[in-house]
Amino acid sequence: MSTEPEKRQVRIVSRTTGEVRLSEPMPVQSPNQQAGNASPADTVLVETAVPVEAAPVLLPIAEPPAAPAAMPEVATASELNKPAKAPKPSKPKLVIESFEQFIEHAYSNRRGQPVKLERRLQDTLAKQPELDEAVMGRLLRLINGDTMLRVPRQLLLASKEITGLPKLRGALVEVVKTAMLHHPAFEPAGVKAAMQNLPGSQPAEAMVAVAGYEPAAVESKEPLKPTELKELRRNAVQLLAVWFALHRGLGLDDLANLLFHVLWEPAQRELDDDTERLRALTDIEDLAGTGVAAQRFRQQLADARRDRESALRETAALKQQVAGLQSQRDLAHAQVEERTAELEALRVSSAQELAALRDAHNTGRMQQGHEFESLRGRLIQRLEECIEMLDTGLNALRKEAPTPRVSVMTQRAEVVLDALRSELINLKKG
């Protein structure tokens, strides 16, 4: 059995060039002894030793030699000499047993992180959700301390997840409402009216008022920085948007449109050039929120296109109907004109016939009048003659001496009878 000590090689990485090489074969030594074989500019990497079978080979840093499956992690010699770090003591888990503790926990970290309400915690908080004046006074100090309004929106969103526990949900909403009404950003009467859903209140006007909030100057406090004021306005608008979604029934499309006009569109107007717009577009961190907004706008665009196509089809159909109605109108107009012309011709002919009848009537009337007058004159003359003849004959009969002249009367009577018969015959003939 050979007594020669076993020789092994280790990898040496140059700090200046990054080059990786294998050291000269050396007996197995401690890590401190191995570090003495490397130059000051090199870092010795201790690995599982490899028996010397070939001359040292320089390997590029991009392709280091593959390590065996059982090879431990590579470490520097200095790291091997460091004592092992003691594990950090784990923090005790917070146990929430009351609604007050839950609100205090939510306000303990005012960075606006989501608030989780598991079902077991909901059941625990639902046992006593009411808050007396003393507890509410303590919580009010926490609420007033959140001047940036980072927490109320998360509490309001957590209340939406509560089902079957109306008292707990109402208590949580009441805390958020108190936070909103005690913050000066929600002091305008129009904002409060919109929060209470009063008749005539407009959510859009309320959100515009909150987005334009200007804090009053206070001598004892430093004014908010521009970035802080921008964050406060954004938090207030988003909180009011969630409030409208839960208490006024606004859908995602309505909220997206309101947030676009109040927050997003004014913010993009502040960008000066395409470089800033590109930076803003690629600096988006909340991918889910951006995706929701983009999806709603895309859906609205698709709906608008579908409505436009439907409107175009309806317009084409209406145009066809209008064209058909115009044809019917033109036909009816032509028929009316034709009937009008016929009526006009009938009126003219009727007027002519009426005039002819009137002339004929007048002529006949004049002729009848003339004939009547002629007949009247002739009858009068005839009657006068008959009367005279009868009178003569009657006088002859009245004479007593020597004898009445009956022959005269007879002659006269015959003449009168003949004359009357002749006139009667003339009258019958017309």
Foldseek 3Di string as FASTA:
>chain_A
DDPDAFWFWWWKAFPVPRWIWIDDTDGDDDLVVVVVRDDPRIWTKDKPTDGDDDGIDTDGNVQDDDDDPPIDDIDTSVVVPDDDDDDDDDDDDDDDQEPLVLLCVLLVDQPQDADAQDPVNVVRHLVDLDDDPVSVVVSVVSLVVSLLLSRLLNLLVNLVPDPPRVSNSVSSVVSSVVSQCPHVLQPDPLSVCVLVVHPPRDLLVNLLSSLPDDDDDDPVDDDDDPVSNNSSSVSSSSSSLSSCCVPVVDDPLRSLVSCCVRPVVVVVVVDDDVVVVVCVVVPDDPPVVVVSSVVSVVVVVVVVVVVVVVVVVVVVVVVVVVVVVVVVVVVVVVVVVVVVVVVVVVVVVVVVVVVVVVVVVVVVVVVVVVVVVVLVVVVVVLVVLLVVQQVVLVVQQPDVPPHRDNVSNVVSVVVNVVSVVVSVVVVVVD
